[in-house]
Protein backbone atom coordinates (compact mmCIF):
# COMPACT_ATOMS: atom_id res chain seq x y z
CA MET A 1 0.00 0.00 0.00
CA THR A 2 1.40 3.38 -1.01
CA LYS A 3 2.03 5.69 1.93
CA LYS A 4 0.63 9.22 1.94
CA ILE A 5 2.68 12.29 2.84
CA ASN A 6 1.33 12.53 6.42
CA ASP A 7 1.49 8.83 7.35
CA VAL A 8 4.96 8.92 8.97
CA ILE A 9 6.02 12.35 10.26
CA LEU A 10 9.50 12.66 11.73
CA THR A 11 9.54 15.55 14.19
CA LEU A 12 12.76 17.11 15.43
CA SER A 13 13.61 20.27 17.30
CA ASP A 14 16.26 22.42 18.94
CA LEU A 15 19.48 21.40 17.22
CA HIS A 16 20.95 24.84 17.99
CA ILE A 17 23.56 24.41 15.25
CA PRO A 18 26.58 24.77 15.52
CA TYR A 19 26.16 23.83 19.21
CA HIS A 20 24.34 20.60 18.32
CA HIS A 21 25.15 17.14 19.61
CA VAL A 22 28.07 15.78 17.60
CA ASP A 23 26.14 12.61 16.71
CA SER A 24 22.92 14.35 15.63
CA LEU A 25 23.34 13.74 11.92
CA GLU A 26 24.35 10.10 12.36
CA PHE A 27 21.41 9.54 14.74
CA LEU A 28 18.90 11.14 12.38
CA THR A 29 20.32 9.17 9.45
CA ALA A 30 19.65 5.94 11.34
CA ILE A 31 16.15 7.11 12.27
CA LYS A 32 15.36 7.96 8.66
CA LYS A 33 16.67 4.61 7.42
CA LYS A 34 14.62 2.65 9.97
CA TYR A 35 11.30 4.52 9.85
CA LYS A 36 11.34 5.94 6.29
CA PRO A 37 9.41 9.12 7.14
CA THR A 38 7.06 10.48 4.49
CA ARG A 39 7.40 14.01 5.92
CA THR A 40 9.82 15.77 8.26
CA VAL A 41 9.01 18.74 10.48
CA CYS A 42 11.55 20.80 12.43
CA ILE A 43 9.93 22.67 15.31
CA GLY A 44 12.51 25.44 15.32
CA ASP A 45 15.79 26.53 16.88
CA GLU A 46 17.60 24.80 14.04
CA CYS A 47 20.44 27.32 14.55
CA ASP A 48 21.52 28.93 17.81
CA LYS A 49 22.81 32.43 16.87
CA HIS A 50 24.46 32.80 20.28
CA ALA A 51 26.48 35.80 19.10
CA LEU A 52 23.27 37.63 18.13
CA SER A 53 21.55 37.04 21.46
CA PHE A 54 20.07 39.94 23.42
CA TYR A 55 22.00 38.52 26.40
CA ASP A 56 25.76 38.78 26.81
CA SER A 57 27.57 36.44 24.43
CA ASP A 58 30.58 34.41 25.56
CA PRO A 59 33.79 36.02 24.22
CA ASP A 60 35.36 32.56 23.87
CA LEU A 61 32.73 31.55 21.29
CA PRO A 62 32.79 32.45 17.55
CA SER A 63 31.61 35.83 16.30
CA ALA A 64 28.21 36.09 14.60
CA GLY A 65 29.81 35.76 11.17
CA ASP A 66 31.99 32.78 12.10
CA GLU A 67 29.08 31.08 13.85
CA LEU A 68 26.97 31.41 10.69
CA ILE A 69 29.77 29.93 8.54
CA GLU A 70 30.07 26.96 10.92
CA ALA A 71 26.31 26.46 10.88
CA ILE A 72 26.09 26.44 7.08
CA GLU A 73 28.97 23.96 6.82
CA TYR A 74 27.05 21.51 9.01
CA LEU A 75 23.73 22.26 7.33
CA GLU A 76 25.11 21.24 3.93
CA GLU A 77 25.07 17.61 5.13
CA PHE A 78 21.70 18.15 6.73
CA TYR A 79 20.30 19.41 3.41
CA GLU A 80 21.36 16.16 1.75
CA LEU A 81 19.64 14.08 4.41
CA PHE A 82 16.45 16.18 4.39
CA PRO A 83 16.06 17.97 1.04
CA SER A 84 12.45 18.78 2.02
CA LEU A 85 11.65 20.14 5.47
CA ASP A 86 8.83 22.10 7.10
CA ILE A 87 10.27 24.45 9.71
CA VAL A 88 8.29 26.26 12.40
CA ASP A 89 9.33 29.74 13.49
CA SER A 90 11.14 29.97 16.84
CA ASN A 91 12.86 32.34 19.22
CA HIS A 92 16.36 31.50 17.96
CA GLY A 93 15.25 31.08 14.36
CA SER A 94 13.85 34.61 14.30
CA MET A 95 16.81 36.13 16.15
CA LEU A 96 18.26 38.08 13.22
CA TYR A 97 14.89 39.68 12.41
CA ARG A 98 14.21 40.57 16.04
CA ARG A 99 17.68 42.09 16.18
CA GLY A 100 16.95 44.04 13.02
CA LYS A 101 13.66 45.32 14.43
CA HIS A 102 15.38 46.29 17.69
CA HIS A 103 17.86 48.42 15.76
CA GLY A 104 15.27 49.96 13.44
CA ILE A 105 16.14 47.97 10.29
CA PRO A 106 13.09 47.41 8.03
CA ARG A 107 12.42 43.75 7.26
CA LYS A 108 12.75 44.39 3.52
CA TYR A 109 16.44 45.22 3.95
CA LEU A 110 17.15 41.74 5.27
CA LEU A 111 17.54 38.51 3.29
CA ASP A 112 14.95 35.76 3.54
CA TYR A 113 16.04 33.20 6.13
CA GLY A 114 16.41 30.43 3.56
CA ASP A 115 18.84 32.57 1.59
CA VAL A 116 20.82 33.36 4.75
CA LEU A 117 21.27 29.63 5.43
CA GLU A 118 21.74 28.77 1.73
CA ALA A 119 18.91 26.26 2.16
CA PRO A 120 17.44 24.19 -0.70
CA PRO A 121 14.02 25.12 -2.17
CA GLY A 122 12.39 22.24 -0.26
CA TRP A 123 12.95 23.98 3.08
CA LYS A 124 9.82 25.94 3.96
CA TRP A 125 9.40 28.20 7.01
CA THR A 126 6.06 28.97 8.63
CA HIS A 127 4.91 30.57 11.89
CA ASP A 128 3.16 27.39 13.00
CA LEU A 129 1.74 24.36 11.25
CA ILE A 130 -1.41 22.27 11.29
CA ILE A 131 -1.19 18.90 9.55
CA ARG A 132 -4.46 17.13 8.77
CA ARG A 133 -4.69 13.39 8.40
CA GLY A 134 -8.28 12.41 7.76
CA LYS A 135 -10.30 13.85 10.64
CA GLN A 136 -7.21 14.19 12.82
CA GLU A 137 -5.44 17.54 13.18
CA ILE A 138 -1.94 17.91 14.62
CA TYR A 139 -0.68 21.34 15.66
CA PHE A 140 3.07 22.04 15.54
CA HIS A 141 4.42 25.04 17.44
CA HIS A 142 7.88 25.76 18.80
CA GLY A 143 6.58 26.17 22.35
CA ILE A 144 3.57 27.94 23.85
CA SER A 145 3.06 26.07 27.11
CA LYS A 146 5.22 23.64 29.04
CA ASP A 147 1.99 21.74 29.68
CA GLY A 148 1.45 20.38 26.18
CA LEU A 149 -1.69 18.43 27.11
CA LYS A 150 -3.32 21.57 28.46
CA LEU A 151 -2.61 23.23 25.12
CA ALA A 152 -4.10 20.24 23.27
CA LYS A 153 -7.28 20.50 25.37
CA GLU A 154 -7.52 24.25 24.79
CA ARG A 155 -7.11 23.93 21.02
CA GLY A 156 -9.05 20.68 20.70
CA ILE A 157 -6.33 19.08 18.53
CA CYS A 158 -3.16 17.07 19.03
CA VAL A 159 -0.02 19.10 19.76
CA VAL A 160 3.72 18.73 19.12
CA GLN A 161 6.22 21.12 20.72
CA GLY A 162 9.95 21.58 21.21
CA HIS A 163 11.66 24.54 22.97
CA TYR A 164 11.61 22.98 26.46
CA HIS A 165 14.87 21.02 26.41
CA THR A 166 14.08 19.03 29.56
CA GLU A 167 10.61 17.94 28.41
CA PHE A 168 10.39 14.60 26.59
CA ASN A 169 6.97 13.06 26.97
CA ILE A 170 3.67 11.98 25.46
CA LYS A 171 0.39 12.61 27.28
CA TYR A 172 -3.10 11.50 26.28
CA CYS A 173 -6.58 12.84 26.86
CA GLY A 174 -9.89 11.28 25.84
CA THR A 175 -12.81 13.41 24.59
CA PRO A 176 -16.31 12.35 23.47
CA ASN A 177 -15.15 12.50 19.85
CA PHE A 178 -11.35 12.18 19.68
CA LEU A 179 -8.25 10.82 21.36
CA LEU A 180 -6.06 13.86 21.94
CA TRP A 181 -2.35 13.76 22.71
CA SER A 182 0.61 16.05 23.16
CA MET A 183 4.25 15.28 22.43
CA GLN A 184 7.34 17.15 23.66
CA VAL A 185 10.32 16.08 21.57
CA GLY A 186 13.32 17.19 23.67
CA CYS A 187 16.37 18.54 21.84
CA LEU A 188 19.55 17.62 19.97
CA ILE A 189 22.05 19.94 21.63
CA ASP A 190 25.56 19.52 22.99
CA LYS A 191 24.78 20.29 26.62
CA GLU A 192 28.49 20.83 27.32
CA ALA A 193 28.79 23.67 24.78
CA LEU A 194 29.62 27.10 26.21
CA ALA A 195 26.48 28.43 24.56
CA PHE A 196 24.46 26.54 27.21
CA ALA A 197 26.57 27.52 30.21
CA TYR A 198 23.52 29.34 31.59
CA ASP A 199 21.91 25.95 32.21
CA LYS A 200 24.63 24.57 34.49
CA ASN A 201 22.82 25.51 37.71
CA ASN A 202 19.48 23.96 36.74
CA LEU A 203 18.62 20.58 38.20
CA GLY A 204 16.76 19.42 35.09
CA ARG A 205 19.05 18.24 32.29
CA PRO A 206 18.37 18.40 28.55
CA ILE A 207 16.92 15.21 27.07
CA ILE A 208 18.48 14.32 23.74
CA GLY A 209 16.10 12.81 21.23
CA THR A 210 13.31 13.38 18.75
CA GLY A 211 9.85 12.04 17.95
CA ILE A 212 7.85 10.46 15.17
CA ILE A 213 4.14 10.19 14.38
CA ILE A 214 3.15 6.92 12.71
CA ASP A 215 -0.39 6.61 11.37
CA GLY A 216 -1.48 9.42 13.68
CA LEU A 217 0.10 8.08 16.87
CA PRO A 218 3.21 9.63 18.52
CA LYS A 219 6.39 7.83 19.50
CA LEU A 220 9.46 9.19 21.29
CA LEU A 221 12.92 8.35 19.94
CA PRO A 222 15.57 9.00 22.61
CA MET A 223 19.25 9.17 21.76
CA THR A 224 20.74 6.90 24.42
CA LEU A 225 24.21 8.05 25.41
CA LYS A 226 27.34 6.43 26.76
CA LYS A 227 29.15 7.81 29.82
CA ASN A 228 31.28 10.03 27.58
CA GLY A 229 28.14 11.67 26.22
CA ARG A 230 28.33 10.10 22.77
CA TRP A 231 25.49 8.19 21.13
CA ASN A 232 25.69 4.43 21.79
CA GLY A 233 24.60 3.62 18.23
CA CYS A 234 21.24 2.07 19.16
CA CYS A 235 18.34 3.22 17.01
CA PRO A 236 15.15 3.25 19.13
């Protein structure tokens, strides 16, 4: 039976390139080979832009220009793996435009984001995304509420979020007409990177992984790590 575009949706978030986990690409390659997704959605923060942050940037990290060059070098391999990608707007993804607005630069003066990242035509950015599969609707947003199930109840549709690096869960809710669920897909960052030094004093630690939706049902795909922090090679 031929699969339709929304039958197997790989959902990833918060790579924060170039401060991503070193095994992210290898992990995602294995996931793609095993599950053969018919569609892939990135829920934002694909790049970090630490040097453009409104907070103080670490002087031991690359400048904004060097960080962008590093990000594009990594993304070139990512483009090969995912030539088509739906990308949801996010706080880090929109950083350059928020910076421009802060300094009074009209949006028209700035390049489109896809041109900045030298992305292929198959990469499409949108504020948020609703994917319909029959009567089911699935809402993708970078992160509105840490309580994803509450958001699903409020909107009356299933919800997928990223943004909250320590949240990696699926929660269900029954209604008279539908089974609703929410999925938080964690992140794919290098938690030891200087760009995340602000997180050192938090008790909760980032959970490295992603998620997939198969025939309308969510599944979490954790990246299990060895003691040295590297991926152990097991594809969940």
